[in-house]
Amino acid sequence: MFGINKVILVGKVAEKSQLYKTNGYKIVVFIETSETWTDRKSGERKEKIERHRVVIYDTFAKLIDKYIYREYILHVEGKICAKKLHYEDGSDRLLNEIVVKAHNGGIVQLISKK
């Protein structure tokens, strides 16, 4: 079997959570991407903003925690992973996240808003 699992996002840092120390280091960052178009019927300009959960591990996590802030524009490369969450009420929810590790991806700061 053959396949490639690679995601490339360019977007704005919307939210950054704290740095976690488990087996290594981990930080969660939310990246916003947007798409704009003109509505054919009304001629009105529309925009759709999506938030992507990006989980960063290892040495990248420590760098992101120290140097990246809200409103920064990042180029993120990683792989998409699905995680199944179980809630107390018995329901399940599927969560997709972009995982970035030193051996399978990278992060580049493109523009600083600060």
N, C-alpha and C. Protein backbone atom coordinates (compact mmCIF):
# COMPACT_ATOMS: atom_id res chain seq x y z
N MET A 1 0.84 -1.18 0.00
CA MET A 1 0.00 0.00 0.00
C MET A 1 0.89 1.25 0.00
N PHE A 2 0.43 2.27 -0.70
CA PHE A 2 1.19 3.50 -0.83
C PHE A 2 0.30 4.69 -0.54
N GLY A 3 0.83 5.69 0.10
CA GLY A 3 0.06 6.90 0.35
C GLY A 3 0.94 8.00 0.90
N ILE A 4 0.46 9.20 0.78
CA ILE A 4 1.16 10.35 1.32
C ILE A 4 0.18 11.11 2.20
N ASN A 5 0.58 11.39 3.41
CA ASN A 5 -0.23 12.16 4.33
C ASN A 5 0.55 13.44 4.64
N LYS A 6 0.28 14.50 3.91
CA LYS A 6 0.99 15.76 4.08
C LYS A 6 -0.01 16.91 3.99
N VAL A 7 0.09 17.82 4.93
CA VAL A 7 -0.78 18.99 4.97
C VAL A 7 0.11 20.23 4.99
N ILE A 8 -0.26 21.21 4.18
CA ILE A 8 0.43 22.50 4.19
C ILE A 8 -0.62 23.58 4.46
N LEU A 9 -0.40 24.34 5.52
CA LEU A 9 -1.29 25.45 5.88
C LEU A 9 -0.49 26.74 5.92
N VAL A 10 -1.08 27.80 5.40
CA VAL A 10 -0.53 29.13 5.60
C VAL A 10 -1.66 29.94 6.20
N GLY A 11 -1.46 30.39 7.41
CA GLY A 11 -2.53 31.12 8.08
C GLY A 11 -2.04 31.87 9.29
N LYS A 12 -2.99 32.53 9.94
CA LYS A 12 -2.73 33.40 11.08
C LYS A 12 -2.91 32.62 12.38
N VAL A 13 -2.03 32.84 13.33
CA VAL A 13 -2.16 32.22 14.64
C VAL A 13 -3.35 32.87 15.34
N ALA A 14 -4.37 32.06 15.64
CA ALA A 14 -5.57 32.57 16.28
C ALA A 14 -5.50 32.40 17.79
N GLU A 15 -4.88 31.31 18.22
CA GLU A 15 -4.86 30.99 19.64
C GLU A 15 -3.72 30.01 19.89
N LYS A 16 -3.07 30.19 21.01
CA LYS A 16 -1.98 29.29 21.38
C LYS A 16 -2.24 28.80 22.80
N SER A 17 -2.16 27.50 23.02
CA SER A 17 -2.33 27.00 24.37
C SER A 17 -0.96 26.87 25.03
N GLN A 18 -0.96 26.48 26.27
CA GLN A 18 0.31 26.39 26.99
C GLN A 18 1.12 25.18 26.56
N LEU A 19 2.38 25.21 26.92
CA LEU A 19 3.30 24.13 26.61
C LEU A 19 3.09 23.00 27.60
N TYR A 20 2.91 21.77 27.09
CA TYR A 20 2.72 20.60 27.93
C TYR A 20 3.98 19.75 27.90
N LYS A 21 4.34 19.17 29.03
CA LYS A 21 5.47 18.24 29.06
C LYS A 21 4.90 16.87 29.39
N THR A 22 4.91 15.99 28.42
CA THR A 22 4.47 14.61 28.62
C THR A 22 5.72 13.74 28.43
N ASN A 23 5.75 12.89 27.43
CA ASN A 23 6.97 12.13 27.12
C ASN A 23 8.03 13.07 26.55
N GLY A 24 7.57 14.08 25.85
CA GLY A 24 8.43 15.13 25.32
C GLY A 24 7.70 16.43 25.57
N TYR A 25 7.79 17.36 24.62
CA TYR A 25 7.06 18.61 24.73
C TYR A 25 5.96 18.64 23.68
N LYS A 26 4.87 19.33 24.01
CA LYS A 26 3.74 19.43 23.08
C LYS A 26 3.07 20.76 23.30
N ILE A 27 2.66 21.42 22.20
CA ILE A 27 1.88 22.65 22.29
C ILE A 27 0.79 22.60 21.22
N VAL A 28 -0.35 23.19 21.51
CA VAL A 28 -1.46 23.24 20.56
C VAL A 28 -1.63 24.68 20.11
N VAL A 29 -1.68 24.88 18.79
CA VAL A 29 -1.86 26.20 18.20
C VAL A 29 -3.04 26.12 17.25
N PHE A 30 -3.88 27.15 17.25
CA PHE A 30 -4.99 27.20 16.30
C PHE A 30 -4.62 28.19 15.20
N ILE A 31 -4.63 27.70 13.96
CA ILE A 31 -4.29 28.51 12.79
C ILE A 31 -5.58 28.79 12.03
N GLU A 32 -5.79 30.05 11.65
CA GLU A 32 -6.96 30.43 10.85
C GLU A 32 -6.55 30.60 9.40
N THR A 33 -7.33 29.99 8.52
CA THR A 33 -7.18 30.22 7.09
C THR A 33 -8.50 30.82 6.60
N SER A 34 -8.44 31.57 5.52
CA SER A 34 -9.67 32.18 5.02
C SER A 34 -9.76 32.03 3.51
N GLU A 35 -10.98 32.07 3.06
CA GLU A 35 -11.29 31.96 1.64
C GLU A 35 -12.30 33.06 1.33
N THR A 36 -12.08 33.82 0.27
CA THR A 36 -13.01 34.88 -0.10
C THR A 36 -13.53 34.65 -1.52
N TRP A 37 -14.75 35.08 -1.75
CA TRP A 37 -15.37 34.97 -3.06
C TRP A 37 -16.48 36.01 -3.18
N THR A 38 -16.95 36.21 -4.39
CA THR A 38 -18.07 37.11 -4.64
C THR A 38 -19.30 36.26 -4.90
N ASP A 39 -20.36 36.53 -4.15
CA ASP A 39 -21.62 35.81 -4.31
C ASP A 39 -22.21 36.15 -5.68
N ARG A 40 -22.58 35.15 -6.44
CA ARG A 40 -23.08 35.37 -7.81
C ARG A 40 -24.44 36.08 -7.83
N LYS A 41 -25.28 35.77 -6.86
CA LYS A 41 -26.62 36.37 -6.85
C LYS A 41 -26.61 37.81 -6.37
N SER A 42 -25.95 38.05 -5.24
CA SER A 42 -26.00 39.39 -4.65
C SER A 42 -24.83 40.28 -5.05
N GLY A 43 -23.74 39.69 -5.54
CA GLY A 43 -22.55 40.46 -5.87
C GLY A 43 -21.76 40.86 -4.63
N GLU A 44 -22.20 40.38 -3.48
CA GLU A 44 -21.58 40.72 -2.20
C GLU A 44 -20.31 39.89 -1.99
N ARG A 45 -19.31 40.52 -1.40
CA ARG A 45 -18.05 39.84 -1.09
C ARG A 45 -18.25 38.99 0.16
N LYS A 46 -17.90 37.70 0.11
CA LYS A 46 -18.08 36.78 1.23
C LYS A 46 -16.72 36.26 1.67
N GLU A 47 -16.64 35.84 2.93
CA GLU A 47 -15.41 35.26 3.47
C GLU A 47 -15.77 34.12 4.41
N LYS A 48 -15.01 33.04 4.30
CA LYS A 48 -15.17 31.89 5.19
C LYS A 48 -13.85 31.68 5.90
N ILE A 49 -13.89 31.69 7.23
CA ILE A 49 -12.69 31.49 8.03
C ILE A 49 -12.78 30.13 8.71
N GLU A 50 -11.71 29.35 8.59
CA GLU A 50 -11.66 28.04 9.24
C GLU A 50 -10.52 28.02 10.23
N ARG A 51 -10.75 27.36 11.36
CA ARG A 51 -9.72 27.20 12.38
C ARG A 51 -9.22 25.76 12.33
N HIS A 52 -7.90 25.62 12.36
CA HIS A 52 -7.27 24.32 12.29
C HIS A 52 -6.46 24.10 13.57
N ARG A 53 -6.67 22.95 14.17
CA ARG A 53 -5.93 22.59 15.38
C ARG A 53 -4.59 21.98 14.96
N VAL A 54 -3.50 22.62 15.37
CA VAL A 54 -2.16 22.17 15.02
C VAL A 54 -1.46 21.76 16.32
N VAL A 55 -1.00 20.51 16.37
CA VAL A 55 -0.30 20.00 17.54
C VAL A 55 1.17 19.86 17.17
N ILE A 56 2.02 20.53 17.94
CA ILE A 56 3.45 20.59 17.63
C ILE A 56 4.21 19.88 18.75
N TYR A 57 5.12 19.00 18.35
CA TYR A 57 5.88 18.20 19.31
C TYR A 57 7.36 18.55 19.27
N ASP A 58 8.06 18.03 20.27
CA ASP A 58 9.52 18.03 20.33
C ASP A 58 10.09 19.44 20.44
N THR A 59 11.22 19.68 19.80
CA THR A 59 11.90 20.97 19.91
C THR A 59 11.09 22.09 19.27
N PHE A 60 10.27 21.77 18.24
CA PHE A 60 9.41 22.79 17.63
C PHE A 60 8.47 23.39 18.68
N ALA A 61 7.96 22.56 19.57
CA ALA A 61 7.01 23.03 20.57
C ALA A 61 7.64 24.10 21.47
N LYS A 62 8.86 23.87 21.89
CA LYS A 62 9.54 24.85 22.75
C LYS A 62 9.78 26.16 22.00
N LEU A 63 10.15 26.08 20.73
CA LEU A 63 10.36 27.30 19.94
C LEU A 63 9.07 28.08 19.73
N ILE A 64 7.99 27.36 19.40
CA ILE A 64 6.69 28.01 19.18
C ILE A 64 6.24 28.71 20.45
N ASP A 65 6.40 28.04 21.58
CA ASP A 65 5.99 28.62 22.85
C ASP A 65 6.75 29.91 23.15
N LYS A 66 7.99 29.96 22.76
CA LYS A 66 8.84 31.10 23.09
C LYS A 66 8.71 32.26 22.10
N TYR A 67 8.53 31.96 20.80
CA TYR A 67 8.68 33.00 19.78
C TYR A 67 7.44 33.33 18.96
N ILE A 68 6.39 32.54 19.02
CA ILE A 68 5.23 32.77 18.16
C ILE A 68 4.05 33.31 18.98
N TYR A 69 3.42 34.35 18.46
CA TYR A 69 2.30 34.99 19.15
C TYR A 69 1.09 35.08 18.23
N ARG A 70 -0.04 35.47 18.82
CA ARG A 70 -1.26 35.68 18.03
C ARG A 70 -0.99 36.66 16.90
N GLU A 71 -1.69 36.48 15.81
CA GLU A 71 -1.60 37.34 14.62
C GLU A 71 -0.38 37.07 13.76
N TYR A 72 0.56 36.23 14.18
CA TYR A 72 1.68 35.88 13.32
C TYR A 72 1.16 35.04 12.16
N ILE A 73 1.76 35.18 11.00
CA ILE A 73 1.43 34.36 9.84
C ILE A 73 2.46 33.24 9.75
N LEU A 74 1.97 32.00 9.73
CA LEU A 74 2.86 30.84 9.71
C LEU A 74 2.62 29.97 8.48
N HIS A 75 3.67 29.33 8.03
CA HIS A 75 3.62 28.26 7.03
C HIS A 75 3.88 26.99 7.82
N VAL A 76 2.89 26.10 7.86
CA VAL A 76 2.96 24.88 8.66
C VAL A 76 2.89 23.67 7.74
N GLU A 77 3.80 22.72 7.94
CA GLU A 77 3.76 21.44 7.23
C GLU A 77 3.73 20.32 8.24
N GLY A 78 2.79 19.40 8.04
CA GLY A 78 2.67 18.26 8.95
C GLY A 78 1.81 17.20 8.31
N LYS A 79 1.22 16.36 9.16
CA LYS A 79 0.31 15.33 8.65
C LYS A 79 -1.00 15.41 9.42
N ILE A 80 -2.07 15.00 8.77
CA ILE A 80 -3.39 15.05 9.40
C ILE A 80 -3.63 13.73 10.13
N CYS A 81 -4.14 13.85 11.35
CA CYS A 81 -4.43 12.68 12.17
C CYS A 81 -5.84 12.83 12.73
N ALA A 82 -6.56 11.72 12.78
CA ALA A 82 -7.91 11.71 13.36
C ALA A 82 -7.82 11.11 14.75
N LYS A 83 -8.52 11.74 15.68
CA LYS A 83 -8.53 11.28 17.06
C LYS A 83 -9.99 11.12 17.48
N LYS A 84 -10.32 10.00 18.10
CA LYS A 84 -11.68 9.76 18.55
C LYS A 84 -11.77 10.11 20.04
N LEU A 85 -12.69 11.03 20.37
CA LEU A 85 -12.87 11.45 21.75
C LEU A 85 -14.14 10.82 22.30
N HIS A 86 -14.07 10.32 23.53
CA HIS A 86 -15.22 9.72 24.20
C HIS A 86 -15.67 10.66 25.33
N TYR A 87 -16.95 11.00 25.33
CA TYR A 87 -17.49 11.89 26.35
C TYR A 87 -18.24 11.11 27.42
N GLU A 88 -18.43 11.74 28.59
CA GLU A 88 -19.09 11.08 29.72
C GLU A 88 -20.52 10.66 29.40
N ASP A 89 -21.19 11.39 28.53
CA ASP A 89 -22.58 11.04 28.18
C ASP A 89 -22.66 9.87 27.21
N GLY A 90 -21.52 9.28 26.85
CA GLY A 90 -21.50 8.12 25.96
C GLY A 90 -21.32 8.46 24.49
N SER A 91 -21.31 9.73 24.17
CA SER A 91 -21.16 10.11 22.76
C SER A 91 -19.68 10.14 22.36
N ASP A 92 -19.46 9.97 21.08
CA ASP A 92 -18.12 10.02 20.51
C ASP A 92 -18.04 11.17 19.53
N ARG A 93 -16.84 11.71 19.37
CA ARG A 93 -16.62 12.79 18.42
C ARG A 93 -15.27 12.58 17.76
N LEU A 94 -15.22 12.80 16.46
CA LEU A 94 -13.98 12.67 15.72
C LEU A 94 -13.33 14.04 15.59
N LEU A 95 -12.06 14.14 15.93
CA LEU A 95 -11.32 15.39 15.90
C LEU A 95 -10.15 15.22 14.94
N ASN A 96 -10.06 16.10 13.96
CA ASN A 96 -8.91 16.10 13.05
C ASN A 96 -7.94 17.16 13.51
N GLU A 97 -6.66 16.80 13.49
CA GLU A 97 -5.63 17.76 13.85
C GLU A 97 -4.42 17.58 12.96
N ILE A 98 -3.68 18.65 12.78
CA ILE A 98 -2.45 18.61 12.01
C ILE A 98 -1.32 18.41 13.01
N VAL A 99 -0.53 17.37 12.81
CA VAL A 99 0.55 17.02 13.73
C VAL A 99 1.88 17.39 13.08
N VAL A 100 2.69 18.14 13.82
CA VAL A 100 4.00 18.57 13.34
C VAL A 100 5.06 18.03 14.28
N LYS A 101 5.95 17.23 13.73
CA LYS A 101 7.11 16.72 14.47
C LYS A 101 8.35 17.05 13.67
N ALA A 102 9.49 17.00 14.32
CA ALA A 102 10.74 17.37 13.67
C ALA A 102 11.02 16.53 12.43
N HIS A 103 10.62 15.26 12.43
CA HIS A 103 10.95 14.39 11.30
C HIS A 103 9.90 14.39 10.19
N ASN A 104 8.72 14.99 10.40
CA ASN A 104 7.70 14.93 9.35
C ASN A 104 7.13 16.28 8.95
N GLY A 105 7.73 17.37 9.37
CA GLY A 105 7.14 18.65 9.02
C GLY A 105 8.01 19.82 9.43
N GLY A 106 7.39 20.98 9.44
CA GLY A 106 8.12 22.17 9.80
C GLY A 106 7.22 23.38 9.92
N ILE A 107 7.76 24.43 10.48
CA ILE A 107 7.03 25.67 10.66
C ILE A 107 7.97 26.83 10.29
N VAL A 108 7.44 27.77 9.51
CA VAL A 108 8.19 28.96 9.14
C VAL A 108 7.33 30.16 9.44
N GLN A 109 7.89 31.13 10.15
CA GLN A 109 7.18 32.38 10.40
C GLN A 109 7.33 33.25 9.18
N LEU A 110 6.21 33.65 8.57
CA LEU A 110 6.26 34.47 7.36
C LEU A 110 6.19 35.95 7.67
N ILE A 111 5.23 36.35 8.51
CA ILE A 111 5.03 37.76 8.84
C ILE A 111 4.74 37.89 10.33
N SER A 112 5.32 38.88 10.94
CA SER A 112 5.05 39.19 12.34
C SER A 112 4.14 40.40 12.40
N LYS A 113 3.06 40.34 13.15
CA LYS A 113 2.13 41.46 13.31
C LYS A 113 2.51 42.33 14.50
N LYS A 114 3.46 41.93 15.31
CA LYS A 114 3.84 42.68 16.51
C LYS A 114 4.87 43.72 16.20
